[in-house]
Amino acid sequence: MPKLTKPPHEPTAENRQIVQLHATIGTPQEDIARVLGIDPKTLRKYYRDELDLASAKANATIGGALFNKAKGGDTAAMIFWMKTRAGWREKQEFDLTSSDGSMSPKPTTIELIAKPVPNDNSQD
């Protein structure tokens, strides 16, 4: 009896769009392969470019939209951009000193004391 083999996968423009869409929104490769009815290895073999470029394209699109919002005066977008791209950080300082000084933090010294370990250098 002859062995039945499945014909090789033939990528189509429609399948490439499906892969790119799913990869762009972060769908796991196993799920994308299931949608197409192929093995994940086959997905990676035939759709490598779509998988690799989808994330970069999505980041560029969202980054561009964020940049435009920041340029347009959106304060939250400006702050986010400066924190993530320009290294801005928020610094919180707490003054624990009370107004009369009675609750001012005082340094504490802790001395660790250990029992001496006998030196067993005796030779019998």
PDB file of N, CA and C in Angstrom:
ATOM      1  N   MET A   1       0.843  -1.173   0.000  1.00  0.00           N
ATOM      2  CA  MET A   1       0.000   0.000   0.000  1.00  0.00           C
ATOM      3  C   MET A   1       0.896   1.247   0.000  1.00  0.00           C
ATOM      4  N   PRO A   2       0.672   2.178  -0.918  1.00  0.00           N
ATOM      5  CA  PRO A   2       1.531   3.361  -0.991  1.00  0.00           C
ATOM      6  C   PRO A   2       1.305   4.277   0.212  1.00  0.00           C
ATOM      7  N   LYS A   3       2.394   4.925   0.620  1.00  0.00           N
ATOM      8  CA  LYS A   3       2.340   5.848   1.749  1.00  0.00           C
ATOM      9  C   LYS A   3       1.705   7.163   1.287  1.00  0.00           C
ATOM     10  N   LEU A   4       0.713   7.619   2.029  1.00  0.00           N
ATOM     11  CA  LEU A   4       0.043   8.869   1.689  1.00  0.00           C
ATOM     12  C   LEU A   4       0.819  10.035   2.300  1.00  0.00           C
ATOM     13  N   THR A   5       1.170  10.981   1.472  1.00  0.00           N
ATOM     14  CA  THR A   5       1.878  12.160   1.975  1.00  0.00           C
ATOM     15  C   THR A   5       1.053  13.404   1.688  1.00  0.00           C
ATOM     16  N   LYS A   6       1.157  14.317   2.590  1.00  0.00           N
ATOM     17  CA  LYS A   6       0.438  15.574   2.443  1.00  0.00           C
ATOM     18  C   LYS A   6       1.229  16.458   1.471  1.00  0.00           C
ATOM     19  N   PRO A   7       0.554  17.130   0.554  1.00  0.00           N
ATOM     20  CA  PRO A   7       1.289  17.999  -0.369  1.00  0.00           C
ATOM     21  C   PRO A   7       1.958  19.143   0.394  1.00  0.00           C
ATOM     22  N   PRO A   8       3.073  19.655  -0.121  1.00  0.00           N
ATOM     23  CA  PRO A   8       3.751  20.754   0.584  1.00  0.00           C
ATOM     24  C   PRO A   8       2.849  21.984   0.683  1.00  0.00           C
ATOM     25  N   HIS A   9       3.062  22.722   1.736  1.00  0.00           N
ATOM     26  CA  HIS A   9       2.254  23.929   1.972  1.00  0.00           C
ATOM     27  C   HIS A   9       2.561  24.976   0.905  1.00  0.00           C
ATOM     28  N   GLU A  10       1.536  25.617   0.413  1.00  0.00           N
ATOM     29  CA  GLU A  10       1.675  26.690  -0.581  1.00  0.00           C
ATOM     30  C   GLU A  10       1.181  27.994   0.051  1.00  0.00           C
ATOM     31  N   PRO A  11       2.091  28.901   0.437  1.00  0.00           N
ATOM     32  CA  PRO A  11       1.654  30.174   1.015  1.00  0.00           C
ATOM     33  C   PRO A  11       0.860  30.998   0.005  1.00  0.00           C
ATOM     34  N   THR A  12      -0.168  31.651   0.481  1.00  0.00           N
ATOM     35  CA  THR A  12      -0.965  32.539  -0.371  1.00  0.00           C
ATOM     36  C   THR A  12      -0.878  33.953   0.197  1.00  0.00           C
ATOM     37  N   ALA A  13      -1.244  34.925  -0.607  1.00  0.00           N
ATOM     38  CA  ALA A  13      -1.250  36.316  -0.142  1.00  0.00           C
ATOM     39  C   ALA A  13      -2.204  36.471   1.045  1.00  0.00           C
ATOM     40  N   GLU A  14      -3.336  35.768   0.974  1.00  0.00           N
ATOM     41  CA  GLU A  14      -4.310  35.837   2.071  1.00  0.00           C
ATOM     42  C   GLU A  14      -3.715  35.271   3.360  1.00  0.00           C
ATOM     43  N   ASN A  15      -3.033  34.123   3.260  1.00  0.00           N
ATOM     44  CA  ASN A  15      -2.413  33.533   4.447  1.00  0.00           C
ATOM     45  C   ASN A  15      -1.318  34.438   5.005  1.00  0.00           C
ATOM     46  N   ARG A  16      -0.564  35.089   4.130  1.00  0.00           N
ATOM     47  CA  ARG A  16       0.483  36.006   4.592  1.00  0.00           C
ATOM     48  C   ARG A  16      -0.142  37.161   5.386  1.00  0.00           C
ATOM     49  N   GLN A  17      -1.278  37.661   4.926  1.00  0.00           N
ATOM     50  CA  GLN A  17      -1.976  38.731   5.650  1.00  0.00           C
ATOM     51  C   GLN A  17      -2.470  38.242   7.008  1.00  0.00           C
ATOM     52  N   ILE A  18      -2.992  37.029   7.033  1.00  0.00           N
ATOM     53  CA  ILE A  18      -3.480  36.447   8.290  1.00  0.00           C
ATOM     54  C   ILE A  18      -2.333  36.318   9.285  1.00  0.00           C
ATOM     55  N   VAL A  19      -1.204  35.785   8.814  1.00  0.00           N
ATOM     56  CA  VAL A  19      -0.038  35.605   9.686  1.00  0.00           C
ATOM     57  C   VAL A  19       0.438  36.961  10.198  1.00  0.00           C
ATOM     58  N   GLN A  20       0.543  37.932   9.301  1.00  0.00           N
ATOM     59  CA  GLN A  20       1.028  39.249   9.713  1.00  0.00           C
ATOM     60  C   GLN A  20       0.094  39.888  10.734  1.00  0.00           C
ATOM     61  N   LEU A  21      -1.199  39.801  10.520  1.00  0.00           N
ATOM     62  CA  LEU A  21      -2.159  40.368  11.464  1.00  0.00           C
ATOM     63  C   LEU A  21      -2.019  39.722  12.839  1.00  0.00           C
ATOM     64  N   HIS A  22      -2.009  38.396  12.864  1.00  0.00           N
ATOM     65  CA  HIS A  22      -1.916  37.696  14.150  1.00  0.00           C
ATOM     66  C   HIS A  22      -0.582  37.957  14.840  1.00  0.00           C
ATOM     67  N   ALA A  23       0.503  37.946  14.081  1.00  0.00           N
ATOM     68  CA  ALA A  23       1.817  38.201  14.677  1.00  0.00           C
ATOM     69  C   ALA A  23       1.902  39.634  15.202  1.00  0.00           C
ATOM     70  N   THR A  24       1.277  40.560  14.506  1.00  0.00           N
ATOM     71  CA  THR A  24       1.293  41.965  14.928  1.00  0.00           C
ATOM     72  C   THR A  24       0.613  42.149  16.277  1.00  0.00           C
ATOM     73  N   ILE A  25      -0.485  41.458  16.501  1.00  0.00           N
ATOM     74  CA  ILE A  25      -1.208  41.630  17.772  1.00  0.00           C
ATOM     75  C   ILE A  25      -0.721  40.679  18.858  1.00  0.00           C
ATOM     76  N   GLY A  26       0.310  39.879  18.530  1.00  0.00           N
ATOM     77  CA  GLY A  26       0.930  39.038  19.552  1.00  0.00           C
ATOM     78  C   GLY A  26       0.342  37.655  19.721  1.00  0.00           C
ATOM     79  N   THR A  27      -0.393  37.168  18.742  1.00  0.00           N
ATOM     80  CA  THR A  27      -0.930  35.808  18.819  1.00  0.00           C
ATOM     81  C   THR A  27       0.232  34.819  18.818  1.00  0.00           C
ATOM     82  N   PRO A  28       0.263  33.851  19.740  1.00  0.00           N
ATOM     83  CA  PRO A  28       1.346  32.861  19.748  1.00  0.00           C
ATOM     84  C   PRO A  28       1.417  32.092  18.423  1.00  0.00           C
ATOM     85  N   GLN A  29       2.632  31.742  18.031  1.00  0.00           N
ATOM     86  CA  GLN A  29       2.834  31.049  16.757  1.00  0.00           C
ATOM     87  C   GLN A  29       2.057  29.740  16.684  1.00  0.00           C
ATOM     88  N   GLU A  30       1.932  29.038  17.785  1.00  0.00           N
ATOM     89  CA  GLU A  30       1.186  27.781  17.784  1.00  0.00           C
ATOM     90  C   GLU A  30      -0.274  28.030  17.390  1.00  0.00           C
ATOM     91  N   ASP A  31      -0.833  29.131  17.879  1.00  0.00           N
ATOM     92  CA  ASP A  31      -2.221  29.466  17.546  1.00  0.00           C
ATOM     93  C   ASP A  31      -2.361  29.910  16.092  1.00  0.00           C
ATOM     94  N   ILE A  32      -1.388  30.666  15.602  1.00  0.00           N
ATOM     95  CA  ILE A  32      -1.428  31.090  14.195  1.00  0.00           C
ATOM     96  C   ILE A  32      -1.384  29.857  13.298  1.00  0.00           C
ATOM     97  N   ALA A  33      -0.505  28.924  13.634  1.00  0.00           N
ATOM     98  CA  ALA A  33      -0.396  27.692  12.843  1.00  0.00           C
ATOM     99  C   ALA A  33      -1.720  26.935  12.866  1.00  0.00           C
ATOM    100  N   ARG A  34      -2.373  26.891  14.016  1.00  0.00           N
ATOM    101  CA  ARG A  34      -3.655  26.202  14.132  1.00  0.00           C
ATOM    102  C   ARG A  34      -4.714  26.863  13.247  1.00  0.00           C
ATOM    103  N   VAL A  35      -4.710  28.197  13.203  1.00  0.00           N
ATOM    104  CA  VAL A  35      -5.661  28.926  12.350  1.00  0.00           C
ATOM    105  C   VAL A  35      -5.469  28.532  10.888  1.00  0.00           C
ATOM    106  N   LEU A  36      -4.210  28.379  10.472  1.00  0.00           N
ATOM    107  CA  LEU A  36      -3.916  28.023   9.079  1.00  0.00           C
ATOM    108  C   LEU A  36      -3.991  26.519   8.818  1.00  0.00           C
ATOM    109  N   GLY A  37      -4.083  25.731   9.881  1.00  0.00           N
ATOM    110  CA  GLY A  37      -4.129  24.279   9.721  1.00  0.00           C
ATOM    111  C   GLY A  37      -2.789  23.676   9.340  1.00  0.00           C
ATOM    112  N   ILE A  38      -1.707  24.288   9.847  1.00  0.00           N
ATOM    113  CA  ILE A  38      -0.362  23.779   9.554  1.00  0.00           C
ATOM    114  C   ILE A  38       0.410  23.609  10.855  1.00  0.00           C
ATOM    115  N   ASP A  39       1.533  22.941  10.763  1.00  0.00           N
ATOM    116  CA  ASP A  39       2.417  22.734  11.902  1.00  0.00           C
ATOM    117  C   ASP A  39       3.176  24.039  12.193  1.00  0.00           C
ATOM    118  N   PRO A  40       3.492  24.324  13.465  1.00  0.00           N
ATOM    119  CA  PRO A  40       4.268  25.533  13.773  1.00  0.00           C
ATOM    120  C   PRO A  40       5.604  25.606  13.024  1.00  0.00           C
ATOM    121  N   LYS A  41       6.241  24.460  12.785  1.00  0.00           N
ATOM    122  CA  LYS A  41       7.504  24.460  12.022  1.00  0.00           C
ATOM    123  C   LYS A  41       7.261  24.926  10.589  1.00  0.00           C
ATOM    124  N   THR A  42       6.146  24.499  10.012  1.00  0.00           N
ATOM    125  CA  THR A  42       5.791  24.923   8.653  1.00  0.00           C
ATOM    126  C   THR A  42       5.516  26.424   8.636  1.00  0.00           C
ATOM    127  N   LEU A  43       4.843  26.911   9.659  1.00  0.00           N
ATOM    128  CA  LEU A  43       4.579  28.347   9.775  1.00  0.00           C
ATOM    129  C   LEU A  43       5.891  29.125   9.752  1.00  0.00           C
ATOM    130  N   ARG A  44       6.843  28.706  10.583  1.00  0.00           N
ATOM    131  CA  ARG A  44       8.121  29.413  10.661  1.00  0.00           C
ATOM    132  C   ARG A  44       8.919  29.295   9.363  1.00  0.00           C
ATOM    133  N   LYS A  45       8.788  28.161   8.684  1.00  0.00           N
ATOM    134  CA  LYS A  45       9.525  27.944   7.432  1.00  0.00           C
ATOM    135  C   LYS A  45       9.029  28.870   6.320  1.00  0.00           C
ATOM    136  N   TYR A  46       7.725  28.990   6.158  1.00  0.00           N
ATOM    137  CA  TYR A  46       7.162  29.718   5.024  1.00  0.00           C
ATOM    138  C   TYR A  46       6.803  31.177   5.322  1.00  0.00           C
ATOM    139  N   TYR A  47       6.694  31.529   6.600  1.00  0.00           N
ATOM    140  CA  TYR A  47       6.230  32.874   6.951  1.00  0.00           C
ATOM    141  C   TYR A  47       7.215  33.596   7.874  1.00  0.00           C
ATOM    142  N   ARG A  48       8.497  33.265   7.752  1.00  0.00           N
ATOM    143  CA  ARG A  48       9.525  33.838   8.623  1.00  0.00           C
ATOM    144  C   ARG A  48       9.514  35.370   8.588  1.00  0.00           C
ATOM    145  N   ASP A  49       9.469  35.959   7.399  1.00  0.00           N
ATOM    146  CA  ASP A  49       9.493  37.427   7.291  1.00  0.00           C
ATOM    147  C   ASP A  49       8.290  38.063   7.977  1.00  0.00           C
ATOM    148  N   GLU A  50       7.113  37.508   7.757  1.00  0.00           N
ATOM    149  CA  GLU A  50       5.906  38.068   8.381  1.00  0.00           C
ATOM    150  C   GLU A  50       6.015  38.005   9.906  1.00  0.00           C
ATOM    151  N   LEU A  51       6.526  36.893  10.420  1.00  0.00           N
ATOM    152  CA  LEU A  51       6.656  36.735  11.869  1.00  0.00           C
ATOM    153  C   LEU A  51       7.692  37.701  12.439  1.00  0.00           C
ATOM    154  N   ASP A  52       8.824  37.840  11.738  1.00  0.00           N
ATOM    155  CA  ASP A  52       9.907  38.687  12.245  1.00  0.00           C
ATOM    156  C   ASP A  52       9.592  40.177  12.147  1.00  0.00           C
ATOM    157  N   LEU A  53       8.925  40.581  11.083  1.00  0.00           N
ATOM    158  CA  LEU A  53       8.702  42.007  10.850  1.00  0.00           C
ATOM    159  C   LEU A  53       7.437  42.553  11.503  1.00  0.00           C
ATOM    160  N   ALA A  54       6.511  41.685  11.856  1.00  0.00           N
ATOM    161  CA  ALA A  54       5.222  42.143  12.391  1.00  0.00           C
ATOM    162  C   ALA A  54       5.390  42.988  13.649  1.00  0.00           C
ATOM    163  N   SER A  55       6.209  42.543  14.572  1.00  0.00           N
ATOM    164  CA  SER A  55       6.395  43.271  15.823  1.00  0.00           C
ATOM    165  C   SER A  55       7.038  44.635  15.572  1.00  0.00           C
ATOM    166  N   ALA A  56       8.046  44.667  14.701  1.00  0.00           N
ATOM    167  CA  ALA A  56       8.714  45.933  14.391  1.00  0.00           C
ATOM    168  C   ALA A  56       7.744  46.911  13.730  1.00  0.00           C
ATOM    169  N   LYS A  57       6.921  46.406  12.818  1.00  0.00           N
ATOM    170  CA  LYS A  57       5.942  47.273  12.146  1.00  0.00           C
ATOM    171  C   LYS A  57       4.903  47.796  13.141  1.00  0.00           C
ATOM    172  N   ALA A  58       4.450  46.937  14.037  1.00  0.00           N
ATOM    173  CA  ALA A  58       3.466  47.363  15.036  1.00  0.00           C
ATOM    174  C   ALA A  58       4.065  48.422  15.956  1.00  0.00           C
ATOM    175  N   ASN A  59       5.300  48.192  16.412  1.00  0.00           N
ATOM    176  CA  ASN A  59       5.957  49.171  17.278  1.00  0.00           C
ATOM    177  C   ASN A  59       6.129  50.507  16.570  1.00  0.00           C
ATOM    178  N   ALA A  60       6.465  50.463  15.285  1.00  0.00           N
ATOM    179  CA  ALA A  60       6.624  51.703  14.518  1.00  0.00           C
ATOM    180  C   ALA A  60       5.288  52.436  14.390  1.00  0.00           C
ATOM    181  N   THR A  61       4.233  51.704  14.144  1.00  0.00           N
ATOM    182  CA  THR A  61       2.909  52.327  14.000  1.00  0.00           C
ATOM    183  C   THR A  61       2.461  52.976  15.305  1.00  0.00           C
ATOM    184  N   ILE A  62       2.548  52.216  16.389  1.00  0.00           N
ATOM    185  CA  ILE A  62       2.123  52.743  17.691  1.00  0.00           C
ATOM    186  C   ILE A  62       3.060  53.855  18.145  1.00  0.00           C
ATOM    187  N   GLY A  63       4.357  53.657  17.931  1.00  0.00           N
ATOM    188  CA  GLY A  63       5.321  54.698  18.288  1.00  0.00           C
ATOM    189  C   GLY A  63       5.055  55.990  17.537  1.00  0.00           C
ATOM    190  N   GLY A  64       4.719  55.870  16.259  1.00  0.00           N
ATOM    191  CA  GLY A  64       4.400  57.052  15.464  1.00  0.00           C
ATOM    192  C   GLY A  64       3.163  57.762  15.976  1.00  0.00           C
ATOM    193  N   ALA A  65       2.153  56.989  16.335  1.00  0.00           N
ATOM    194  CA  ALA A  65       0.922  57.584  16.869  1.00  0.00           C
ATOM    195  C   ALA A  65       1.202  58.286  18.199  1.00  0.00           C
ATOM    196  N   LEU A  66       2.002  57.644  19.057  1.00  0.00           N
ATOM    197  CA  LEU A  66       2.362  58.255  20.339  1.00  0.00           C
ATOM    198  C   LEU A  66       3.153  59.539  20.108  1.00  0.00           C
ATOM    199  N   PHE A  67       4.099  59.481  19.193  1.00  0.00           N
ATOM    200  CA  PHE A  67       4.915  60.652  18.881  1.00  0.00           C
ATOM    201  C   PHE A  67       4.033  61.808  18.397  1.00  0.00           C
ATOM    202  N   ASN A  68       3.091  61.509  17.523  1.00  0.00           N
ATOM    203  CA  ASN A  68       2.185  62.547  17.018  1.00  0.00           C
ATOM    204  C   ASN A  68       1.320  63.133  18.128  1.00  0.00           C
ATOM    205  N   LYS A  69       0.867  62.286  19.054  1.00  0.00           N
ATOM    206  CA  LYS A  69       0.074  62.790  20.186  1.00  0.00           C
ATOM    207  C   LYS A  69       0.936  63.704  21.060  1.00  0.00           C
ATOM    208  N   ALA A  70       2.180  63.281  21.296  1.00  0.00           N
ATOM    209  CA  ALA A  70       3.082  64.099  22.113  1.00  0.00           C
ATOM    210  C   ALA A  70       3.353  65.440  21.425  1.00  0.00           C
ATOM    211  N   LYS A  71       3.596  65.409  20.122  1.00  0.00           N
ATOM    212  CA  LYS A  71       3.824  66.656  19.374  1.00  0.00           C
ATOM    213  C   LYS A  71       2.584  67.539  19.378  1.00  0.00           C
ATOM    214  N   GLY A  72       1.423  66.919  19.447  1.00  0.00           N
ATOM    215  CA  GLY A  72       0.167  67.665  19.448  1.00  0.00           C
ATOM    216  C   GLY A  72      -0.202  68.243  20.802  1.00  0.00           C
ATOM    217  N   GLY A  73       0.630  67.998  21.821  1.00  0.00           N
ATOM    218  CA  GLY A  73       0.384  68.606  23.121  1.00  0.00           C
ATOM    219  C   GLY A  73      -0.224  67.691  24.166  1.00  0.00           C
ATOM    220  N   ASP A  74      -0.363  66.405  23.887  1.00  0.00           N
ATOM    221  CA  ASP A  74      -0.912  65.464  24.867  1.00  0.00           C
ATOM    222  C   ASP A  74       0.126  65.271  25.975  1.00  0.00           C
ATOM    223  N   THR A  75      -0.154  65.837  27.141  1.00  0.00           N
ATOM    224  CA  THR A  75       0.809  65.827  28.243  1.00  0.00           C
ATOM    225  C   THR A  75       1.189  64.418  28.668  1.00  0.00           C
ATOM    226  N   ALA A  76       0.210  63.529  28.778  1.00  0.00           N
ATOM    227  CA  ALA A  76       0.510  62.151  29.190  1.00  0.00           C
ATOM    228  C   ALA A  76       1.444  61.489  28.183  1.00  0.00           C
ATOM    229  N   ALA A  77       1.207  61.714  26.896  1.00  0.00           N
ATOM    230  CA  ALA A  77       2.073  61.135  25.866  1.00  0.00           C
ATOM    231  C   ALA A  77       3.473  61.727  25.953  1.00  0.00           C
ATOM    232  N   MET A  78       3.561  63.031  26.235  1.00  0.00           N
ATOM    233  CA  MET A  78       4.874  63.666  26.375  1.00  0.00           C
ATOM    234  C   MET A  78       5.648  63.072  27.546  1.00  0.00           C
ATOM    235  N   ILE A  79       4.975  62.931  28.674  1.00  0.00           N
ATOM    236  CA  ILE A  79       5.630  62.385  29.868  1.00  0.00           C
ATOM    237  C   ILE A  79       6.070  60.952  29.611  1.00  0.00           C
ATOM    238  N   PHE A  80       5.185  60.153  29.028  1.00  0.00           N
ATOM    239  CA  PHE A  80       5.536  58.763  28.738  1.00  0.00           C
ATOM    240  C   PHE A  80       6.757  58.702  27.824  1.00  0.00           C
ATOM    241  N   TRP A  81       6.756  59.514  26.792  1.00  0.00           N
ATOM    242  CA  TRP A  81       7.875  59.535  25.842  1.00  0.00           C
ATOM    243  C   TRP A  81       9.178  59.890  26.567  1.00  0.00           C
ATOM    244  N   MET A  82       9.136  60.927  27.387  1.00  0.00           N
ATOM    245  CA  MET A  82      10.347  61.372  28.069  1.00  0.00           C
ATOM    246  C   MET A  82      10.850  60.334  29.070  1.00  0.00           C
ATOM    247  N   LYS A  83       9.932  59.634  29.724  1.00  0.00           N
ATOM    248  CA  LYS A  83      10.358  58.597  30.667  1.00  0.00           C
ATOM    249  C   LYS A  83      10.974  57.408  29.947  1.00  0.00           C
ATOM    250  N   THR A  84      10.373  56.989  28.844  1.00  0.00           N
ATOM    251  CA  THR A  84      10.842  55.775  28.175  1.00  0.00           C
ATOM    252  C   THR A  84      11.965  56.032  27.185  1.00  0.00           C
ATOM    253  N   ARG A  85      12.026  57.228  26.624  1.00  0.00           N
ATOM    254  CA  ARG A  85      13.017  57.500  25.586  1.00  0.00           C
ATOM    255  C   ARG A  85      14.138  58.426  26.041  1.00  0.00           C
ATOM    256  N   ALA A  86      13.854  59.313  26.977  1.00  0.00           N
ATOM    257  CA  ALA A  86      14.847  60.311  27.367  1.00  0.00           C
ATOM    258  C   ALA A  86      15.394  60.084  28.775  1.00  0.00           C
ATOM    259  N   GLY A  87      14.984  58.997  29.410  1.00  0.00           N
ATOM    260  CA  GLY A  87      15.542  58.650  30.712  1.00  0.00           C
ATOM    261  C   GLY A  87      15.006  59.445  31.891  1.00  0.00           C
ATOM    262  N   TRP A  88      13.917  60.155  31.698  1.00  0.00           N
ATOM    263  CA  TRP A  88      13.332  60.871  32.827  1.00  0.00           C
ATOM    264  C   TRP A  88      12.834  59.867  33.855  1.00  0.00           C
ATOM    265  N   ARG A  89      12.950  60.255  35.147  1.00  0.00           N
ATOM    266  CA  ARG A  89      12.436  59.414  36.223  1.00  0.00           C
ATOM    267  C   ARG A  89      11.735  60.286  37.245  1.00  0.00           C
ATOM    268  N   GLU A  90      10.795  59.700  37.892  1.00  0.00           N
ATOM    269  CA  GLU A  90      10.151  60.393  39.004  1.00  0.00           C
ATOM    270  C   GLU A  90      10.906  60.013  40.261  1.00  0.00           C
ATOM    271  N   LYS A  91      11.174  61.000  41.074  1.00  0.00           N
ATOM    272  CA  LYS A  91      11.896  60.736  42.308  1.00  0.00           C
ATOM    273  C   LYS A  91      11.017  61.189  43.468  1.00  0.00           C
ATOM    274  N   GLN A  92      10.775  60.289  44.381  1.00  0.00           N
ATOM    275  CA  GLN A  92       9.979  60.634  45.552  1.00  0.00           C
ATOM    276  C   GLN A  92      10.913  60.757  46.746  1.00  0.00           C
ATOM    277  N   GLU A  93      10.792  61.860  47.448  1.00  0.00           N
ATOM    278  CA  GLU A  93      11.581  62.056  48.653  1.00  0.00           C
ATOM    279  C   GLU A  93      10.627  62.162  49.834  1.00  0.00           C
ATOM    280  N   PHE A  94      11.005  61.515  50.907  1.00  0.00           N
ATOM    281  CA  PHE A  94      10.188  61.545  52.111  1.00  0.00           C
ATOM    282  C   PHE A  94      10.995  62.192  53.230  1.00  0.00           C
ATOM    283  N   ASP A  95      10.430  63.216  53.838  1.00  0.00           N
ATOM    284  CA  ASP A  95      11.064  63.854  54.982  1.00  0.00           C
ATOM    285  C   ASP A  95      10.419  63.268  56.230  1.00  0.00           C
ATOM    286  N   LEU A  96      11.187  62.481  56.945  1.00  0.00           N
ATOM    287  CA  LEU A  96      10.658  61.800  58.124  1.00  0.00           C
ATOM    288  C   LEU A  96      10.878  62.597  59.405  1.00  0.00           C
ATOM    289  N   THR A  97      11.367  63.811  59.270  1.00  0.00           N
ATOM    290  CA  THR A  97      11.619  64.643  60.435  1.00  0.00           C
ATOM    291  C   THR A  97      10.330  65.335  60.864  1.00  0.00           C
ATOM    292  N   SER A  98      10.027  65.244  62.157  1.00  0.00           N
ATOM    293  CA  SER A  98       8.839  65.939  62.662  1.00  0.00           C
ATOM    294  C   SER A  98       9.176  67.416  62.847  1.00  0.00           C
ATOM    295  N   SER A  99       8.158  68.233  62.941  1.00  0.00           N
ATOM    296  CA  SER A  99       8.377  69.686  63.022  1.00  0.00           C
ATOM    297  C   SER A  99       9.190  70.085  64.251  1.00  0.00           C
ATOM    298  N   ASP A 100       9.047  69.363  65.366  1.00  0.00           N
ATOM    299  CA  ASP A 100       9.807  69.718  66.567  1.00  0.00           C
ATOM    300  C   ASP A 100      11.088  68.894  66.710  1.00  0.00           C
ATOM    301  N   GLY A 101      11.347  68.016  65.752  1.00  0.00           N
ATOM    302  CA  GLY A 101      12.580  67.230  65.780  1.00  0.00           C
ATOM    303  C   GLY A 101      12.508  65.999  66.651  1.00  0.00           C
ATOM    304  N   SER A 102      11.387  65.797  67.343  1.00  0.00           N
ATOM    305  CA  SER A 102      11.294  64.670  68.267  1.00  0.00           C
ATOM    306  C   SER A 102      11.225  63.323  67.552  1.00  0.00           C
ATOM    307  N   MET A 103      10.778  63.312  66.330  1.00  0.00           N
ATOM    308  CA  MET A 103      10.635  62.050  65.601  1.00  0.00           C
ATOM    309  C   MET A 103      11.712  61.902  64.522  1.00  0.00           C
ATOM    310  N   SER A 104      12.785  62.648  64.670  1.00  0.00           N
ATOM    311  CA  SER A 104      13.842  62.584  63.662  1.00  0.00           C
ATOM    312  C   SER A 104      14.501  61.212  63.690  1.00  0.00           C
ATOM    313  N   PRO A 105      14.732  60.637  62.522  1.00  0.00           N
ATOM    314  CA  PRO A 105      15.399  59.337  62.503  1.00  0.00           C
ATOM    315  C   PRO A 105      16.821  59.467  63.033  1.00  0.00           C
ATOM    316  N   LYS A 106      17.217  58.508  63.821  1.00  0.00           N
ATOM    317  CA  LYS A 106      18.565  58.500  64.376  1.00  0.00           C
ATOM    318  C   LYS A 106      19.276  57.247  63.875  1.00  0.00           C
ATOM    319  N   PRO A 107      20.550  57.383  63.583  1.00  0.00           N
ATOM    320  CA  PRO A 107      21.279  56.203  63.103  1.00  0.00           C
ATOM    321  C   PRO A 107      21.316  55.124  64.177  1.00  0.00           C
ATOM    322  N   THR A 108      21.248  53.903  63.761  1.00  0.00           N
ATOM    323  CA  THR A 108      21.297  52.762  64.662  1.00  0.00           C
ATOM    324  C   THR A 108      22.500  51.913  64.293  1.00  0.00           C
ATOM    325  N   THR A 109      23.256  51.530  65.302  1.00  0.00           N
ATOM    326  CA  THR A 109      24.403  50.662  65.077  1.00  0.00           C
ATOM    327  C   THR A 109      24.079  49.299  65.652  1.00  0.00           C
ATOM    328  N   ILE A 110      24.311  48.284  64.871  1.00  0.00           N
ATOM    329  CA  ILE A 110      24.082  46.915  65.323  1.00  0.00           C
ATOM    330  C   ILE A 110      25.431  46.220  65.347  1.00  0.00           C
ATOM    331  N   GLU A 111      25.760  45.667  66.516  1.00  0.00           N
ATOM    332  CA  GLU A 111      27.022  44.955  66.649  1.00  0.00           C
ATOM    333  C   GLU A 111      26.710  43.466  66.714  1.00  0.00           C
ATOM    334  N   LEU A 112      27.298  42.732  65.808  1.00  0.00           N
ATOM    335  CA  LEU A 112      27.087  41.292  65.784  1.00  0.00           C
ATOM    336  C   LEU A 112      28.191  40.623  66.584  1.00  0.00           C
ATOM    337  N   ILE A 113      27.792  39.811  67.537  1.00  0.00           N
ATOM    338  CA  ILE A 113      28.758  39.117  68.381  1.00  0.00           C
ATOM    339  C   ILE A 113      28.557  37.628  68.199  1.00  0.00           C
ATOM    340  N   ALA A 114      29.625  36.949  67.902  1.00  0.00           N
ATOM    341  CA  ALA A 114      29.554  35.500  67.726  1.00  0.00           C
ATOM    342  C   ALA A 114      30.451  34.838  68.751  1.00  0.00           C
ATOM    343  N   LYS A 115      30.065  33.633  69.153  1.00  0.00           N
ATOM    344  CA  LYS A 115      30.899  32.879  70.072  1.00  0.00           C
ATOM    345  C   LYS A 115      32.195  32.522  69.365  1.00  0.00           C
ATOM    346  N   PRO A 116      33.301  32.571  70.095  1.00  0.00           N
ATOM    347  CA  PRO A 116      34.563  32.195  69.456  1.00  0.00           C
ATOM    348  C   PRO A 116      34.533  30.725  69.045  1.00  0.00           C
ATOM    349  N   VAL A 117      35.092  30.453  67.909  1.00  0.00           N
ATOM    350  CA  VAL A 117      35.168  29.085  67.411  1.00  0.00           C
ATOM    351  C   VAL A 117      36.505  28.521  67.859  1.00  0.00           C
ATOM    352  N   PRO A 118      36.468  27.389  68.561  1.00  0.00           N
ATOM    353  CA  PRO A 118      37.742  26.834  69.027  1.00  0.00           C
ATOM    354  C   PRO A 118      38.628  26.458  67.841  1.00  0.00           C
ATOM    355  N   ASN A 119      39.900  26.766  68.004  1.00  0.00           N
ATOM    356  CA  ASN A 119      40.867  26.445  66.968  1.00  0.00           C
ATOM    357  C   ASN A 119      41.416  25.067  67.273  1.00  0.00           C
ATOM    358  N   ASP A 120      41.077  24.115  66.449  1.00  0.00           N
ATOM    359  CA  ASP A 120      41.478  22.731  66.703  1.00  0.00           C
ATOM    360  C   ASP A 120      42.758  22.418  65.935  1.00  0.00           C
ATOM    361  N   ASN A 121      43.854  23.011  66.424  1.00  0.00           N
ATOM    362  CA  ASN A 121      45.146  22.746  65.784  1.00  0.00           C
ATOM    363  C   ASN A 121      45.959  21.749  66.587  1.00  0.00           C
ATOM    364  N   SER A 122      45.306  21.094  67.533  1.00  0.00           N
ATOM    365  CA  SER A 122      46.039  20.139  68.362  1.00  0.00           C
ATOM    366  C   SER A 122      46.412  18.920  67.549  1.00  0.00           C
ATOM    367  N   GLN A 123      47.625  18.511  67.718  1.00  0.00           N
ATOM    368  CA  GLN A 123      48.083  17.314  67.019  1.00  0.00           C
ATOM    369  C   GLN A 123      48.343  16.245  68.056  1.00  0.00           C
ATOM    370  N   ASP A 124      47.742  15.119  67.901  1.00  0.00           N
ATOM    371  CA  ASP A 124      47.875  14.030  68.877  1.00  0.00           C
ATOM    372  C   ASP A 124      49.052  13.179  68.565  1.00  0.00           C
TER     373      ASP A 124
END
